[in-house]
């Protein structure tokens, strides 16, 4: 019986790793397709940003746990407040894909 109890968490870990790999593949596929559309319109391609991905993942987990779907957090705070946590203050008043 002890062997079965040890094997179950290992199976969950493998399932979690496979799920994570599928999500990363999906993210990359969406980015590739989005960038094809952007470049066809003369726009700069986007890059994955680990800090933004972390902020988005945290918000997704919050929405799942609290049973809602919105850009605004459950406490009413705007998305940029979540994102701001992952960036040092650089004095920027807005975000843009344009190069300066």
PDB file of N, CA and C in Angstrom:
ATOM      1  N   UNK A   1       0.827  -1.193   0.000  1.00  0.00           N
ATOM      2  CA  UNK A   1       0.000   0.000   0.000  1.00  0.00           C
ATOM      3  C   UNK A   1       0.868   1.253   0.000  1.00  0.00           C
ATOM      4  N   UNK A   2       1.982   1.231   0.662  1.00  0.00           N
ATOM      5  CA  UNK A   2       2.873   2.385   0.721  1.00  0.00           C
ATOM      6  C   UNK A   2       3.404   2.738  -0.654  1.00  0.00           C
ATOM      7  N   UNK A   3       3.680   1.748  -1.472  1.00  0.00           N
ATOM      8  CA  UNK A   3       4.166   1.995  -2.828  1.00  0.00           C
ATOM      9  C   UNK A   3       3.126   2.770  -3.620  1.00  0.00           C
ATOM     10  N   UNK A   4       1.859   2.419  -3.491  1.00  0.00           N
ATOM     11  CA  UNK A   4       0.789   3.111  -4.213  1.00  0.00           C
ATOM     12  C   UNK A   4       0.694   4.560  -3.765  1.00  0.00           C
ATOM     13  N   UNK A   5       0.862   4.823  -2.494  1.00  0.00           N
ATOM     14  CA  UNK A   5       0.789   6.187  -1.986  1.00  0.00           C
ATOM     15  C   UNK A   5       1.958   7.031  -2.474  1.00  0.00           C
ATOM     16  N   UNK A   6       3.099   6.445  -2.648  1.00  0.00           N
ATOM     17  CA  UNK A   6       4.266   7.171  -3.147  1.00  0.00           C
ATOM     18  C   UNK A   6       4.134   7.396  -4.646  1.00  0.00           C
ATOM     19  N   UNK A   7       3.558   6.441  -5.360  1.00  0.00           N
ATOM     20  CA  UNK A   7       3.434   6.554  -6.806  1.00  0.00           C
ATOM     21  C   UNK A   7       2.411   7.607  -7.218  1.00  0.00           C
ATOM     22  N   UNK A   8       1.390   7.825  -6.431  1.00  0.00           N
ATOM     23  CA  UNK A   8       0.352   8.784  -6.787  1.00  0.00           C
ATOM     24  C   UNK A   8       0.912  10.203  -6.900  1.00  0.00           C
ATOM     25  N   UNK A   9       1.653  10.735  -5.910  1.00  0.00           N
ATOM     26  CA  UNK A   9       2.203  12.076  -6.085  1.00  0.00           C
ATOM     27  C   UNK A   9       3.140  12.178  -7.287  1.00  0.00           C
ATOM     28  N   UNK A  10       3.897  11.132  -7.562  1.00  0.00           N
ATOM     29  CA  UNK A  10       4.788  11.157  -8.725  1.00  0.00           C
ATOM     30  C   UNK A  10       3.975  11.256 -10.006  1.00  0.00           C
ATOM     31  N   UNK A  11       2.849  10.552 -10.062  1.00  0.00           N
ATOM     32  CA  UNK A  11       1.990  10.617 -11.244  1.00  0.00           C
ATOM     33  C   UNK A  11       1.421  12.017 -11.415  1.00  0.00           C
ATOM     34  N   UNK A  12       1.012  12.645 -10.314  1.00  0.00           N
ATOM     35  CA  UNK A  12       0.498  14.014 -10.381  1.00  0.00           C
ATOM     36  C   UNK A  12       1.588  14.978 -10.835  1.00  0.00           C
ATOM     37  N   UNK A  13       2.805  14.777 -10.370  1.00  0.00           N
ATOM     38  CA  UNK A  13       3.912  15.648 -10.775  1.00  0.00           C
ATOM     39  C   UNK A  13       4.172  15.519 -12.267  1.00  0.00           C
ATOM     40  N   UNK A  14       4.123  14.298 -12.796  1.00  0.00           N
ATOM     41  CA  UNK A  14       4.332  14.090 -14.227  1.00  0.00           C
ATOM     42  C   UNK A  14       3.206  14.732 -15.018  1.00  0.00           C
ATOM     43  N   UNK A  15       1.969  14.593 -14.543  1.00  0.00           N
ATOM     44  CA  UNK A  15       0.825  15.198 -15.213  1.00  0.00           C
ATOM     45  C   UNK A  15       0.972  16.720 -15.208  1.00  0.00           C
ATOM     46  N   UNK A  16       1.396  17.285 -14.089  1.00  0.00           N
ATOM     47  CA  UNK A  16       1.592  18.730 -13.995  1.00  0.00           C
ATOM     48  C   UNK A  16       2.672  19.222 -14.935  1.00  0.00           C
ATOM     49  N   UNK A  17       3.759  18.467 -15.056  1.00  0.00           N
ATOM     50  CA  UNK A  17       4.851  18.849 -15.954  1.00  0.00           C
ATOM     51  C   UNK A  17       4.392  18.777 -17.408  1.00  0.00           C
ATOM     52  N   UNK A  18       3.612  17.754 -17.751  1.00  0.00           N
ATOM     53  CA  UNK A  18       3.100  17.628 -19.117  1.00  0.00           C
ATOM     54  C   UNK A  18       2.135  18.765 -19.419  1.00  0.00           C
ATOM     55  N   UNK A  19       1.304  19.124 -18.458  1.00  0.00           N
ATOM     56  CA  UNK A  19       0.362  20.238 -18.640  1.00  0.00           C
ATOM     57  C   UNK A  19       1.121  21.540 -18.848  1.00  0.00           C
ATOM     58  N   UNK A  20       2.145  21.757 -18.060  1.00  0.00           N
ATOM     59  CA  UNK A  20       2.950  22.972 -18.189  1.00  0.00           C
ATOM     60  C   UNK A  20       3.605  23.046 -19.567  1.00  0.00           C
ATOM     61  N   UNK A  21       4.105  21.927 -20.052  1.00  0.00           N
ATOM     62  CA  UNK A  21       4.718  21.886 -21.379  1.00  0.00           C
ATOM     63  C   UNK A  21       3.687  22.215 -22.450  1.00  0.00           C
ATOM     64  N   UNK A  22       2.475  21.674 -22.325  1.00  0.00           N
ATOM     65  CA  UNK A  22       1.415  21.964 -23.298  1.00  0.00           C
ATOM     66  C   UNK A  22       1.045  23.446 -23.270  1.00  0.00           C
ATOM     67  N   UNK A  23       0.969  24.027 -22.082  1.00  0.00           N
ATOM     68  CA  UNK A  23       0.642  25.453 -21.978  1.00  0.00           C
ATOM     69  C   UNK A  23       1.736  26.319 -22.592  1.00  0.00           C
ATOM     70  N   UNK A  24       2.987  25.960 -22.364  1.00  0.00           N
ATOM     71  CA  UNK A  24       4.092  26.718 -22.955  1.00  0.00           C
ATOM     72  C   UNK A  24       4.069  26.617 -24.472  1.00  0.00           C
ATOM     73  N   UNK A  25       3.746  25.427 -24.991  1.00  0.00           N
ATOM     74  CA  UNK A  25       3.641  25.233 -26.437  1.00  0.00           C
ATOM     75  C   UNK A  25       2.491  26.065 -26.991  1.00  0.00           C
ATOM     76  N   UNK A  26       1.373  26.087 -26.290  1.00  0.00           N
ATOM     77  CA  UNK A  26       0.228  26.894 -26.705  1.00  0.00           C
ATOM     78  C   UNK A  26       0.591  28.377 -26.708  1.00  0.00           C
ATOM     79  N   UNK A  27       1.222  28.850 -25.641  1.00  0.00           N
ATOM     80  CA  UNK A  27       1.646  30.252 -25.558  1.00  0.00           C
ATOM     81  C   UNK A  27       2.539  30.630 -26.735  1.00  0.00           C
ATOM     82  N   UNK A  28       3.502  29.787 -27.029  1.00  0.00           N
ATOM     83  CA  UNK A  28       4.427  30.064 -28.123  1.00  0.00           C
ATOM     84  C   UNK A  28       3.704  30.056 -29.468  1.00  0.00           C
ATOM     85  N   UNK A  29       2.783  29.114 -29.652  1.00  0.00           N
ATOM     86  CA  UNK A  29       2.012  29.058 -30.890  1.00  0.00           C
ATOM     87  C   UNK A  29       1.161  30.299 -31.098  1.00  0.00           C
ATOM     88  N   UNK A  30       0.513  30.766 -30.037  1.00  0.00           N
ATOM     89  CA  UNK A  30      -0.287  31.992 -30.129  1.00  0.00           C
ATOM     90  C   UNK A  30       0.616  33.171 -30.471  1.00  0.00           C
ATOM     91  N   UNK A  31       1.771  33.244 -29.839  1.00  0.00           N
ATOM     92  CA  UNK A  31       2.706  34.342 -30.094  1.00  0.00           C
ATOM     93  C   UNK A  31       3.179  34.329 -31.543  1.00  0.00           C
ATOM     94  N   UNK A  32       3.511  33.167 -32.068  1.00  0.00           N
ATOM     95  CA  UNK A  32       3.968  33.058 -33.458  1.00  0.00           C
ATOM     96  C   UNK A  32       2.873  33.535 -34.407  1.00  0.00           C
ATOM     97  N   UNK A  33       1.650  33.085 -34.194  1.00  0.00           N
ATOM     98  CA  UNK A  33       0.548  33.482 -35.071  1.00  0.00           C
ATOM     99  C   UNK A  33       0.226  34.974 -34.932  1.00  0.00           C
ATOM    100  N   UNK A  34       0.236  35.472 -33.715  1.00  0.00           N
ATOM    101  CA  UNK A  34      -0.014  36.895 -33.493  1.00  0.00           C
ATOM    102  C   UNK A  34       1.055  37.747 -34.165  1.00  0.00           C
ATOM    103  N   UNK A  35       2.296  37.339 -34.045  1.00  0.00           N
ATOM    104  CA  UNK A  35       3.383  38.094 -34.669  1.00  0.00           C
ATOM    105  C   UNK A  35       3.312  38.050 -36.196  1.00  0.00           C
ATOM    106  N   UNK A  36       2.825  36.972 -36.761  1.00  0.00           N
ATOM    107  CA  UNK A  36       2.642  36.914 -38.211  1.00  0.00           C
ATOM    108  C   UNK A  36       1.630  37.970 -38.651  1.00  0.00           C
ATOM    109  N   UNK A  37       0.556  38.105 -37.880  1.00  0.00           N
ATOM    110  CA  UNK A  37      -0.455  39.123 -38.187  1.00  0.00           C
ATOM    111  C   UNK A  37       0.123  40.523 -37.992  1.00  0.00           C
ATOM    112  N   UNK A  38       0.844  40.716 -36.890  1.00  0.00           N
ATOM    113  CA  UNK A  38       1.423  42.035 -36.608  1.00  0.00           C
ATOM    114  C   UNK A  38       2.403  42.458 -37.701  1.00  0.00           C
ATOM    115  N   UNK A  39       3.300  41.557 -38.085  1.00  0.00           N
ATOM    116  CA  UNK A  39       4.301  41.927 -39.092  1.00  0.00           C
ATOM    117  C   UNK A  39       3.655  42.158 -40.458  1.00  0.00           C
ATOM    118  N   UNK A  40       2.560  41.453 -40.752  1.00  0.00           N
ATOM    119  CA  UNK A  40       1.866  41.687 -42.023  1.00  0.00           C
ATOM    120  C   UNK A  40       1.233  43.079 -42.065  1.00  0.00           C
ATOM    121  N   UNK A  41       1.052  43.679 -40.907  1.00  0.00           N
ATOM    122  CA  UNK A  41       0.508  45.033 -40.805  1.00  0.00           C
ATOM    123  C   UNK A  41       1.582  46.065 -40.472  1.00  0.00           C
ATOM    124  N   UNK A  42       2.836  45.663 -40.597  1.00  0.00           N
ATOM    125  CA  UNK A  42       3.936  46.588 -40.365  1.00  0.00           C
ATOM    126  C   UNK A  42       4.214  46.893 -38.906  1.00  0.00           C
ATOM    127  N   UNK A  43       3.712  46.064 -38.002  1.00  0.00           N
ATOM    128  CA  UNK A  43       3.938  46.274 -36.569  1.00  0.00           C
ATOM    129  C   UNK A  43       5.104  45.421 -36.079  1.00  0.00           C
ATOM    130  N   UNK A  44       5.720  45.877 -35.000  1.00  0.00           N
ATOM    131  CA  UNK A  44       6.827  45.124 -34.400  1.00  0.00           C
ATOM    132  C   UNK A  44       6.308  43.827 -33.783  1.00  0.00           C
ATOM    133  N   UNK A  45       7.097  42.753 -33.873  1.00  0.00           N
ATOM    134  CA  UNK A  45       6.689  41.508 -33.202  1.00  0.00           C
ATOM    135  C   UNK A  45       6.789  41.662 -31.688  1.00  0.00           C
ATOM    136  N   UNK A  46       5.982  40.908 -30.995  1.00  0.00           N
ATOM    137  CA  UNK A  46       5.998  40.892 -29.534  1.00  0.00           C
ATOM    138  C   UNK A  46       6.907  39.774 -29.047  1.00  0.00           C
ATOM    139  N   UNK A  47       7.372  39.896 -27.806  1.00  0.00           N
ATOM    140  CA  UNK A  47       8.180  38.851 -27.166  1.00  0.00           C
ATOM    141  C   UNK A  47       7.506  38.453 -25.865  1.00  0.00           C
ATOM    142  N   UNK A  48       7.646  37.177 -25.511  1.00  0.00           N
ATOM    143  CA  UNK A  48       7.147  36.753 -24.208  1.00  0.00           C
ATOM    144  C   UNK A  48       7.940  37.465 -23.121  1.00  0.00           C
ATOM    145  N   UNK A  49       7.253  37.841 -22.074  1.00  0.00           N
ATOM    146  CA  UNK A  49       7.877  38.537 -20.962  1.00  0.00           C
ATOM    147  C   UNK A  49       7.611  37.724 -19.701  1.00  0.00           C
ATOM    148  N   UNK A  50       8.659  37.166 -19.084  1.00  0.00           N
ATOM    149  CA  UNK A  50       8.453  36.319 -17.899  1.00  0.00           C
ATOM    150  C   UNK A  50       7.726  37.032 -16.758  1.00  0.00           C
ATOM    151  N   UNK A  51       8.008  38.311 -16.546  1.00  0.00           N
ATOM    152  CA  UNK A  51       7.343  39.043 -15.458  1.00  0.00           C
ATOM    153  C   UNK A  51       5.850  39.187 -15.738  1.00  0.00           C
ATOM    154  N   UNK A  52       5.500  39.529 -16.978  1.00  0.00           N
ATOM    155  CA  UNK A  52       4.082  39.644 -17.322  1.00  0.00           C
ATOM    156  C   UNK A  52       3.398  38.289 -17.261  1.00  0.00           C
ATOM    157  N   UNK A  53       4.100  37.239 -17.680  1.00  0.00           N
ATOM    158  CA  UNK A  53       3.538  35.894 -17.601  1.00  0.00           C
ATOM    159  C   UNK A  53       3.261  35.502 -16.157  1.00  0.00           C
ATOM    160  N   UNK A  54       4.148  35.878 -15.261  1.00  0.00           N
ATOM    161  CA  UNK A  54       3.959  35.594 -13.835  1.00  0.00           C
ATOM    162  C   UNK A  54       2.751  36.351 -13.292  1.00  0.00           C
ATOM    163  N   UNK A  55       2.644  37.626 -13.657  1.00  0.00           N
ATOM    164  CA  UNK A  55       1.499  38.432 -13.219  1.00  0.00           C
ATOM    165  C   UNK A  55       0.195  37.843 -13.750  1.00  0.00           C
ATOM    166  N   UNK A  56       0.183  37.465 -15.022  1.00  0.00           N
ATOM    167  CA  UNK A  56      -1.019  36.897 -15.627  1.00  0.00           C
ATOM    168  C   UNK A  56      -1.375  35.557 -14.990  1.00  0.00           C
ATOM    169  N   UNK A  57      -0.366  34.734 -14.743  1.00  0.00           N
ATOM    170  CA  UNK A  57      -0.621  33.441 -14.111  1.00  0.00           C
ATOM    171  C   UNK A  57      -1.196  33.586 -12.717  1.00  0.00           C
ATOM    172  N   UNK A  58      -0.674  34.542 -11.978  1.00  0.00           N
ATOM    173  CA  UNK A  58      -1.199  34.800 -10.633  1.00  0.00           C
ATOM    174  C   UNK A  58      -2.645  35.255 -10.682  1.00  0.00           C
ATOM    175  N   UNK A  59      -2.950  36.127 -11.649  1.00  0.00           N
ATOM    176  CA  UNK A  59      -4.321  36.612 -11.773  1.00  0.00           C
ATOM    177  C   UNK A  59      -5.258  35.487 -12.208  1.00  0.00           C
ATOM    178  N   UNK A  60      -4.789  34.641 -13.115  1.00  0.00           N
ATOM    179  CA  UNK A  60      -5.603  33.497 -13.544  1.00  0.00           C
ATOM    180  C   UNK A  60      -5.917  32.587 -12.365  1.00  0.00           C
ATOM    181  N   UNK A  61      -4.929  32.343 -11.522  1.00  0.00           N
ATOM    182  CA  UNK A  61      -5.148  31.509 -10.335  1.00  0.00           C
ATOM    183  C   UNK A  61      -6.144  32.161  -9.390  1.00  0.00           C
ATOM    184  N   UNK A  62      -6.030  33.480  -9.233  1.00  0.00           N
ATOM    185  CA  UNK A  62      -6.974  34.216  -8.370  1.00  0.00           C
ATOM    186  C   UNK A  62      -8.400  34.105  -8.914  1.00  0.00           C
ATOM    187  N   UNK A  63      -8.552  34.292 -10.226  1.00  0.00           N
ATOM    188  CA  UNK A  63      -9.889  34.205 -10.820  1.00  0.00           C
ATOM    189  C   UNK A  63     -10.485  32.813 -10.635  1.00  0.00           C
ATOM    190  N   UNK A  64      -9.657  31.783 -10.817  1.00  0.00           N
ATOM    191  CA  UNK A  64     -10.131  30.417 -10.634  1.00  0.00           C
ATOM    192  C   UNK A  64     -10.564  30.190  -9.189  1.00  0.00           C
ATOM    193  N   UNK A  65      -9.728  30.616  -8.255  1.00  0.00           N
ATOM    194  CA  UNK A  65     -10.019  30.402  -6.830  1.00  0.00           C
ATOM    195  C   UNK A  65     -11.248  31.180  -6.375  1.00  0.00           C
ATOM    196  N   UNK A  66     -11.427  32.394  -6.915  1.00  0.00           N
ATOM    197  CA  UNK A  66     -12.526  33.257  -6.462  1.00  0.00           C
ATOM    198  C   UNK A  66     -13.762  33.183  -7.356  1.00  0.00           C
ATOM    199  N   UNK A  67     -13.673  32.432  -8.456  1.00  0.00           N
ATOM    200  CA  UNK A  67     -14.830  32.219  -9.305  1.00  0.00           C
ATOM    201  C   UNK A  67     -15.297  33.427 -10.095  1.00  0.00           C
ATOM    202  N   UNK A  68     -14.368  34.141 -10.706  1.00  0.00           N
ATOM    203  CA  UNK A  68     -14.759  35.268 -11.551  1.00  0.00           C
ATOM    204  C   UNK A  68     -13.844  35.337 -12.763  1.00  0.00           C
ATOM    205  N   UNK A  69     -14.206  36.198 -13.721  1.00  0.00           N
ATOM    206  CA  UNK A  69     -13.399  36.386 -14.924  1.00  0.00           C
ATOM    207  C   UNK A  69     -13.447  37.865 -15.275  1.00  0.00           C
ATOM    208  N   UNK A  70     -12.310  38.558 -15.128  1.00  0.00           N
ATOM    209  CA  UNK A  70     -12.257  39.992 -15.415  1.00  0.00           C
ATOM    210  C   UNK A  70     -10.809  40.453 -15.418  1.00  0.00           C
ATOM    211  N   UNK A  71     -10.565  41.575 -16.092  1.00  0.00           N
ATOM    212  CA  UNK A  71      -9.238  42.174 -16.028  1.00  0.00           C
ATOM    213  C   UNK A  71      -8.994  42.815 -14.670  1.00  0.00           C
ATOM    214  N   UNK A  72     -10.057  43.295 -14.060  1.00  0.00           N
ATOM    215  CA  UNK A  72      -9.967  43.915 -12.745  1.00  0.00           C
ATOM    216  C   UNK A  72      -9.857  42.810 -11.699  1.00  0.00           C
ATOM    217  N   UNK A  73      -9.038  43.019 -10.679  1.00  0.00           N
ATOM    218  CA  UNK A  73      -8.894  42.034  -9.606  1.00  0.00           C
ATOM    219  C   UNK A  73     -10.156  41.983  -8.757  1.00  0.00           C
ATOM    220  N   UNK A  74     -10.282  40.939  -7.971  1.00  0.00           N
ATOM    221  CA  UNK A  74     -11.454  40.771  -7.108  1.00  0.00           C
ATOM    222  C   UNK A  74     -11.609  41.937  -6.140  1.00  0.00           C
ATOM    223  N   UNK A  75     -10.486  42.541  -5.748  1.00  0.00           N
ATOM    224  CA  UNK A  75     -10.556  43.681  -4.826  1.00  0.00           C
ATOM    225  C   UNK A  75     -10.822  45.006  -5.542  1.00  0.00           C
ATOM    226  N   UNK A  76     -11.015  44.953  -6.867  1.00  0.00           N
ATOM    227  CA  UNK A  76     -11.320  46.148  -7.640  1.00  0.00           C
ATOM    228  C   UNK A  76     -10.113  46.867  -8.216  1.00  0.00           C
ATOM    229  N   UNK A  77      -8.904  46.376  -7.926  1.00  0.00           N
ATOM    230  CA  UNK A  77      -7.707  47.053  -8.438  1.00  0.00           C
ATOM    231  C   UNK A  77      -7.495  46.744  -9.916  1.00  0.00           C
ATOM    232  N   UNK A  78      -6.929  47.719 -10.621  1.00  0.00           N
ATOM    233  CA  UNK A  78      -6.709  47.605 -12.063  1.00  0.00           C
ATOM    234  C   UNK A  78      -5.552  46.657 -12.378  1.00  0.00           C
ATOM    235  N   UNK A  79      -5.519  46.192 -13.627  1.00  0.00           N
ATOM    236  CA  UNK A  79      -4.482  45.238 -14.033  1.00  0.00           C
ATOM    237  C   UNK A  79      -3.083  45.801 -13.846  1.00  0.00           C
ATOM    238  N   UNK A  80      -2.902  47.086 -14.096  1.00  0.00           N
ATOM    239  CA  UNK A  80      -1.553  47.652 -14.023  1.00  0.00           C
ATOM    240  C   UNK A  80      -1.008  47.635 -12.596  1.00  0.00           C
ATOM    241  N   UNK A  81      -1.880  47.575 -11.611  1.00  0.00           N
ATOM    242  CA  UNK A  81      -1.412  47.444 -10.222  1.00  0.00           C
ATOM    243  C   UNK A  81      -0.778  46.073 -10.006  1.00  0.00           C
ATOM    244  N   UNK A  82      -1.350  45.025 -10.631  1.00  0.00           N
ATOM    245  CA  UNK A  82      -0.769  43.678 -10.530  1.00  0.00           C
ATOM    246  C   UNK A  82       0.584  43.638 -11.222  1.00  0.00           C
ATOM    247  N   UNK A  83       0.626  44.215 -12.419  1.00  0.00           N
ATOM    248  CA  UNK A  83       1.840  44.188 -13.225  1.00  0.00           C
ATOM    249  C   UNK A  83       2.945  45.001 -12.565  1.00  0.00           C
ATOM    250  N   UNK A  84       2.596  46.106 -11.961  1.00  0.00           N
ATOM    251  CA  UNK A  84       3.549  47.018 -11.328  1.00  0.00           C
ATOM    252  C   UNK A  84       4.399  46.315 -10.267  1.00  0.00           C
ATOM    253  N   UNK A  85       3.844  45.316  -9.633  1.00  0.00           N
ATOM    254  CA  UNK A  85       4.555  44.553  -8.601  1.00  0.00           C
ATOM    255  C   UNK A  85       5.808  43.885  -9.170  1.00  0.00           C
ATOM    256  N   UNK A  86       5.780  43.524 -10.455  1.00  0.00           N
ATOM    257  CA  UNK A  86       6.867  42.778 -11.069  1.00  0.00           C
ATOM    258  C   UNK A  86       7.909  43.654 -11.753  1.00  0.00           C
ATOM    259  N   UNK A  87       7.731  44.955 -11.709  1.00  0.00           N
ATOM    260  CA  UNK A  87       8.658  45.878 -12.357  1.00  0.00           C
ATOM    261  C   UNK A  87       9.114  46.943 -11.381  1.00  0.00           C
ATOM    262  N   UNK A  88      10.385  47.274 -11.459  1.00  0.00           N
ATOM    263  CA  UNK A  88      10.900  48.397 -10.672  1.00  0.00           C
ATOM    264  C   UNK A  88      10.326  49.680 -11.272  1.00  0.00           C
ATOM    265  N   UNK A  89      10.143  50.663 -10.448  1.00  0.00           N
ATOM    266  CA  UNK A  89       9.621  51.933 -10.930  1.00  0.00           C
ATOM    267  C   UNK A  89      10.617  52.559 -11.896  1.00  0.00           C
ATOM    268  N   UNK A  90      10.178  52.803 -13.116  1.00  0.00           N
ATOM    269  CA  UNK A  90      11.047  53.389 -14.127  1.00  0.00           C
ATOM    270  C   UNK A  90      10.545  54.767 -14.542  1.00  0.00           C
ATOM    271  N   UNK A  91       9.488  55.237 -13.911  1.00  0.00           N
ATOM    272  CA  UNK A  91       8.965  56.547 -14.221  1.00  0.00           C
ATOM    273  C   UNK A  91       8.168  56.622 -15.505  1.00  0.00           C
ATOM    274  N   UNK A  92       7.770  55.481 -16.058  1.00  0.00           N
ATOM    275  CA  UNK A  92       6.974  55.476 -17.275  1.00  0.00           C
ATOM    276  C   UNK A  92       5.507  55.706 -16.941  1.00  0.00           C
ATOM    277  N   UNK A  93       4.839  56.522 -17.729  1.00  0.00           N
ATOM    278  CA  UNK A  93       3.417  56.774 -17.513  1.00  0.00           C
ATOM    279  C   UNK A  93       2.519  55.889 -18.345  1.00  0.00           C
ATOM    280  N   UNK A  94       3.108  55.141 -19.320  1.00  0.00           N
ATOM    281  CA  UNK A  94       2.322  54.275 -20.172  1.00  0.00           C
ATOM    282  C   UNK A  94       3.225  53.207 -20.756  1.00  0.00           C
ATOM    283  N   UNK A  95       2.612  52.194 -21.373  1.00  0.00           N
ATOM    284  CA  UNK A  95       3.350  51.149 -22.061  1.00  0.00           C
ATOM    285  C   UNK A  95       3.077  51.284 -23.536  1.00  0.00           C
ATOM    286  N   UNK A  96       4.059  50.995 -24.352  1.00  0.00           N
ATOM    287  CA  UNK A  96       3.891  51.075 -25.795  1.00  0.00           C
ATOM    288  C   UNK A  96       4.805  50.067 -26.461  1.00  0.00           C
ATOM    289  N   UNK A  97       4.403  49.598 -27.637  1.00  0.00           N
ATOM    290  CA  UNK A  97       5.251  48.704 -28.401  1.00  0.00           C
ATOM    291  C   UNK A  97       6.171  49.483 -29.338  1.00  0.00           C
ATOM    292  N   UNK A  98       6.033  50.798 -29.361  1.00  0.00           N
ATOM    293  CA  UNK A  98       6.868  51.618 -30.230  1.00  0.00           C
ATOM    294  C   UNK A  98       8.257  51.777 -29.640  1.00  0.00           C
ATOM    295  N   UNK A  99       9.235  51.789 -30.519  1.00  0.00           N
ATOM    296  CA  UNK A  99      10.611  52.012 -30.070  1.00  0.00           C
ATOM    297  C   UNK A  99      10.848  53.499 -29.949  1.00  0.00           C
ATOM    298  N   UNK A 100      11.644  53.867 -28.951  1.00  0.00           N
ATOM    299  CA  UNK A 100      11.950  55.289 -28.784  1.00  0.00           C
ATOM    300  C   UNK A 100      13.379  55.561 -29.134  1.00  0.00           C
TER     301      UNK A 100
END
